[in-house]
Amino acid sequence: MLRNGADIRYVQEMLGHEDLNTTQRYTHIVIKDLQQVHGRTHPFARKD
């Protein structure tokens, strides 16, 4: 879900975790995924 743009708080709620740190233990985001999101969403990264 995170790789497709879901907010981690939404994932947290779906999993029923009270603490975000618990959710983060189960999520592994690689730098390549972060770079792709940055490239798609950050205003200075866009090449319009």
PDB file of N, CA and C in Angstrom:
ATOM      1  N   MET A   1       0.819  -1.188   0.000  1.00  0.00           N
ATOM      2  CA  MET A   1       0.000   0.000   0.000  1.00  0.00           C
ATOM      3  C   MET A   1       0.868   1.259   0.000  1.00  0.00           C
ATOM      4  N   LEU A   2       1.915   1.240   0.810  1.00  0.00           N
ATOM      5  CA  LEU A   2       2.787   2.417   0.879  1.00  0.00           C
ATOM      6  C   LEU A   2       3.451   2.694  -0.461  1.00  0.00           C
ATOM      7  N   ARG A   3       3.840   1.657  -1.145  1.00  0.00           N
ATOM      8  CA  ARG A   3       4.491   1.832  -2.451  1.00  0.00           C
ATOM      9  C   ARG A   3       3.544   2.422  -3.482  1.00  0.00           C
ATOM     10  N   ASN A   4       2.248   2.304  -3.237  1.00  0.00           N
ATOM     11  CA  ASN A   4       1.263   2.871  -4.149  1.00  0.00           C
ATOM     12  C   ASN A   4       0.710   4.197  -3.668  1.00  0.00           C
ATOM     13  N   GLY A   5       1.357   4.779  -2.651  1.00  0.00           N
ATOM     14  CA  GLY A   5       1.009   6.127  -2.233  1.00  0.00           C
ATOM     15  C   GLY A   5       0.136   6.266  -0.996  1.00  0.00           C
ATOM     16  N   ALA A   6      -0.178   5.153  -0.343  1.00  0.00           N
ATOM     17  CA  ALA A   6      -1.000   5.244   0.868  1.00  0.00           C
ATOM     18  C   ALA A   6      -0.210   5.919   1.980  1.00  0.00           C
ATOM     19  N   ASP A   7      -0.896   6.714   2.766  1.00  0.00           N
ATOM     20  CA  ASP A   7      -0.274   7.358   3.915  1.00  0.00           C
ATOM     21  C   ASP A   7      -0.050   6.319   5.005  1.00  0.00           C
ATOM     22  N   ILE A   8       1.092   6.409   5.680  1.00  0.00           N
ATOM     23  CA  ILE A   8       1.420   5.420   6.711  1.00  0.00           C
ATOM     24  C   ILE A   8       0.406   5.427   7.852  1.00  0.00           C
ATOM     25  N   ARG A   9      -0.212   6.572   8.091  1.00  0.00           N
ATOM     26  CA  ARG A   9      -1.229   6.640   9.156  1.00  0.00           C
ATOM     27  C   ARG A   9      -2.462   5.818   8.780  1.00  0.00           C
ATOM     28  N   TYR A  10      -2.783   5.772   7.499  1.00  0.00           N
ATOM     29  CA  TYR A  10      -3.899   4.950   7.039  1.00  0.00           C
ATOM     30  C   TYR A  10      -3.570   3.466   7.246  1.00  0.00           C
ATOM     31  N   VAL A  11      -2.345   3.098   6.906  1.00  0.00           N
ATOM     32  CA  VAL A  11      -1.904   1.720   7.105  1.00  0.00           C
ATOM     33  C   VAL A  11      -1.926   1.381   8.595  1.00  0.00           C
ATOM     34  N   GLN A  12      -1.476   2.331   9.416  1.00  0.00           N
ATOM     35  CA  GLN A  12      -1.486   2.154  10.865  1.00  0.00           C
ATOM     36  C   GLN A  12      -2.899   1.845  11.366  1.00  0.00           C
ATOM     37  N   GLU A  13      -3.857   2.620  10.901  1.00  0.00           N
ATOM     38  CA  GLU A  13      -5.245   2.428  11.320  1.00  0.00           C
ATOM     39  C   GLU A  13      -5.781   1.083  10.855  1.00  0.00           C
ATOM     40  N   MET A  14      -5.480   0.715   9.621  1.00  0.00           N
ATOM     41  CA  MET A  14      -5.962  -0.567   9.093  1.00  0.00           C
ATOM     42  C   MET A  14      -5.404  -1.746   9.884  1.00  0.00           C
ATOM     43  N   LEU A  15      -4.146  -1.613  10.333  1.00  0.00           N
ATOM     44  CA  LEU A  15      -3.522  -2.695  11.085  1.00  0.00           C
ATOM     45  C   LEU A  15      -3.915  -2.682  12.562  1.00  0.00           C
ATOM     46  N   GLY A  16      -4.538  -1.590  12.992  1.00  0.00           N
ATOM     47  CA  GLY A  16      -4.980  -1.505  14.379  1.00  0.00           C
ATOM     48  C   GLY A  16      -3.883  -1.156  15.364  1.00  0.00           C
ATOM     49  N   HIS A  17      -2.816  -0.552  14.884  1.00  0.00           N
ATOM     50  CA  HIS A  17      -1.714  -0.166  15.766  1.00  0.00           C
ATOM     51  C   HIS A  17      -2.007   1.168  16.438  1.00  0.00           C
ATOM     52  N   GLU A  18      -1.821   1.229  17.742  1.00  0.00           N
ATOM     53  CA  GLU A  18      -2.000   2.492  18.452  1.00  0.00           C
ATOM     54  C   GLU A  18      -0.789   3.403  18.269  1.00  0.00           C
ATOM     55  N   ASP A  19       0.384   2.824  18.149  1.00  0.00           N
ATOM     56  CA  ASP A  19       1.634   3.580  18.052  1.00  0.00           C
ATOM     57  C   ASP A  19       2.190   3.468  16.633  1.00  0.00           C
ATOM     58  N   LEU A  20       2.515   4.608  16.045  1.00  0.00           N
ATOM     59  CA  LEU A  20       3.058   4.617  14.681  1.00  0.00           C
ATOM     60  C   LEU A  20       4.374   3.847  14.604  1.00  0.00           C
ATOM     61  N   ASN A  21       5.147   3.840  15.677  1.00  0.00           N
ATOM     62  CA  ASN A  21       6.417   3.101  15.676  1.00  0.00           C
ATOM     63  C   ASN A  21       6.203   1.613  15.432  1.00  0.00           C
ATOM     64  N   THR A  22       5.106   1.080  15.913  1.00  0.00           N
ATOM     65  CA  THR A  22       4.791  -0.326  15.677  1.00  0.00           C
ATOM     66  C   THR A  22       4.583  -0.568  14.195  1.00  0.00           C
ATOM     67  N   THR A  23       3.858   0.319  13.547  1.00  0.00           N
ATOM     68  CA  THR A  23       3.609   0.184  12.109  1.00  0.00           C
ATOM     69  C   THR A  23       4.916   0.284  11.331  1.00  0.00           C
ATOM     70  N   GLN A  24       5.778   1.197  11.729  1.00  0.00           N
ATOM     71  CA  GLN A  24       7.034   1.397  11.020  1.00  0.00           C
ATOM     72  C   GLN A  24       7.931   0.169  11.083  1.00  0.00           C
ATOM     73  N   ARG A  25       7.796  -0.623  12.108  1.00  0.00           N
ATOM     74  CA  ARG A  25       8.593  -1.858  12.193  1.00  0.00           C
ATOM     75  C   ARG A  25       8.248  -2.821  11.060  1.00  0.00           C
ATOM     76  N   TYR A  26       7.008  -2.748  10.622  1.00  0.00           N
ATOM     77  CA  TYR A  26       6.536  -3.679   9.595  1.00  0.00           C
ATOM     78  C   TYR A  26       6.594  -3.099   8.186  1.00  0.00           C
ATOM     79  N   THR A  27       7.017  -1.893   8.085  1.00  0.00           N
ATOM     80  CA  THR A  27       7.101  -1.279   6.761  1.00  0.00           C
ATOM     81  C   THR A  27       8.554  -1.026   6.408  1.00  0.00           C
ATOM     82  N   HIS A  28       8.932  -1.425   5.230  1.00  0.00           N
ATOM     83  CA  HIS A  28      10.294  -1.242   4.753  1.00  0.00           C
ATOM     84  C   HIS A  28      10.231  -0.473   3.445  1.00  0.00           C
ATOM     85  N   ILE A  29      10.622   0.787   3.518  1.00  0.00           N
ATOM     86  CA  ILE A  29      10.585   1.632   2.330  1.00  0.00           C
ATOM     87  C   ILE A  29      12.010   1.808   1.841  1.00  0.00           C
ATOM     88  N   VAL A  30      12.258   1.387   0.636  1.00  0.00           N
ATOM     89  CA  VAL A  30      13.601   1.518   0.090  1.00  0.00           C
ATOM     90  C   VAL A  30      13.774   2.912  -0.507  1.00  0.00           C
ATOM     91  N   ILE A  31      15.006   3.375  -0.579  1.00  0.00           N
ATOM     92  CA  ILE A  31      15.298   4.722  -1.057  1.00  0.00           C
ATOM     93  C   ILE A  31      14.787   4.951  -2.476  1.00  0.00           C
ATOM     94  N   LYS A  32      14.803   3.920  -3.300  1.00  0.00           N
ATOM     95  CA  LYS A  32      14.312   4.063  -4.669  1.00  0.00           C
ATOM     96  C   LYS A  32      12.834   4.452  -4.681  1.00  0.00           C
ATOM     97  N   ASP A  33      12.043   3.850  -3.810  1.00  0.00           N
ATOM     98  CA  ASP A  33      10.623   4.190  -3.717  1.00  0.00           C
ATOM     99  C   ASP A  33      10.455   5.642  -3.309  1.00  0.00           C
ATOM    100  N   LEU A  34      11.226   6.084  -2.324  1.00  0.00           N
ATOM    101  CA  LEU A  34      11.141   7.466  -1.868  1.00  0.00           C
ATOM    102  C   LEU A  34      11.528   8.438  -2.977  1.00  0.00           C
ATOM    103  N   GLN A  35      12.544   8.096  -3.745  1.00  0.00           N
ATOM    104  CA  GLN A  35      12.968   8.962  -4.844  1.00  0.00           C
ATOM    105  C   GLN A  35      11.886   9.061  -5.914  1.00  0.00           C
ATOM    106  N   GLN A  36      11.201   7.975  -6.170  1.00  0.00           N
ATOM    107  CA  GLN A  36      10.134   8.002  -7.167  1.00  0.00           C
ATOM    108  C   GLN A  36       8.977   8.885  -6.702  1.00  0.00           C
ATOM    109  N   VAL A  37       8.608   8.780  -5.439  1.00  0.00           N
ATOM    110  CA  VAL A  37       7.539   9.618  -4.906  1.00  0.00           C
ATOM    111  C   VAL A  37       7.963  11.077  -4.955  1.00  0.00           C
ATOM    112  N   HIS A  38       9.176  11.345  -4.583  1.00  0.00           N
ATOM    113  CA  HIS A  38       9.703  12.718  -4.616  1.00  0.00           C
ATOM    114  C   HIS A  38       9.630  13.261  -6.035  1.00  0.00           C
ATOM    115  N   GLY A  39      10.051  12.470  -6.990  1.00  0.00           N
ATOM    116  CA  GLY A  39      10.039  12.893  -8.385  1.00  0.00           C
ATOM    117  C   GLY A  39       8.644  13.173  -8.920  1.00  0.00           C
ATOM    118  N   ARG A  40       7.657  12.440  -8.424  1.00  0.00           N
ATOM    119  CA  ARG A  40       6.278  12.621  -8.879  1.00  0.00           C
ATOM    120  C   ARG A  40       5.563  13.756  -8.164  1.00  0.00           C
ATOM    121  N   THR A  41       5.948  14.050  -6.933  1.00  0.00           N
ATOM    122  CA  THR A  41       5.134  14.956  -6.131  1.00  0.00           C
ATOM    123  C   THR A  41       5.775  16.270  -5.728  1.00  0.00           C
ATOM    124  N   HIS A  42       7.083  16.338  -5.667  1.00  0.00           N
ATOM    125  CA  HIS A  42       7.726  17.567  -5.208  1.00  0.00           C
ATOM    126  C   HIS A  42       7.727  18.604  -6.327  1.00  0.00           C
ATOM    127  N   PRO A  43       7.288  19.835  -6.037  1.00  0.00           N
ATOM    128  CA  PRO A  43       7.174  20.860  -7.082  1.00  0.00           C
ATOM    129  C   PRO A  43       8.488  21.152  -7.815  1.00  0.00           C
ATOM    130  N   PHE A  44       9.606  21.096  -7.124  1.00  0.00           N
ATOM    131  CA  PHE A  44      10.878  21.404  -7.763  1.00  0.00           C
ATOM    132  C   PHE A  44      11.460  20.205  -8.528  1.00  0.00           C
ATOM    133  N   ALA A  45      10.902  19.030  -8.331  1.00  0.00           N
ATOM    134  CA  ALA A  45      11.381  17.843  -9.021  1.00  0.00           C
ATOM    135  C   ALA A  45      10.643  17.608 -10.331  1.00  0.00           C
ATOM    136  N   ARG A  46       9.517  18.244 -10.499  1.00  0.00           N
ATOM    137  CA  ARG A  46       8.705  18.032 -11.704  1.00  0.00           C
ATOM    138  C   ARG A  46       9.375  18.659 -12.915  1.00  0.00           C
ATOM    139  N   LYS A  47       9.209  17.976 -14.024  1.00  0.00           N
ATOM    140  CA  LYS A  47       9.794  18.430 -15.287  1.00  0.00           C
ATOM    141  C   LYS A  47       8.669  18.685 -16.283  1.00  0.00           C
ATOM    142  N   ASP A  48       7.875  19.710 -16.007  1.00  0.00           N
ATOM    143  CA  ASP A  48       6.723  20.044 -16.880  1.00  0.00           C
ATOM    144  C   ASP A  48       7.156  20.825 -18.089  1.00  0.00           C
TER     145      ASP A  48
END
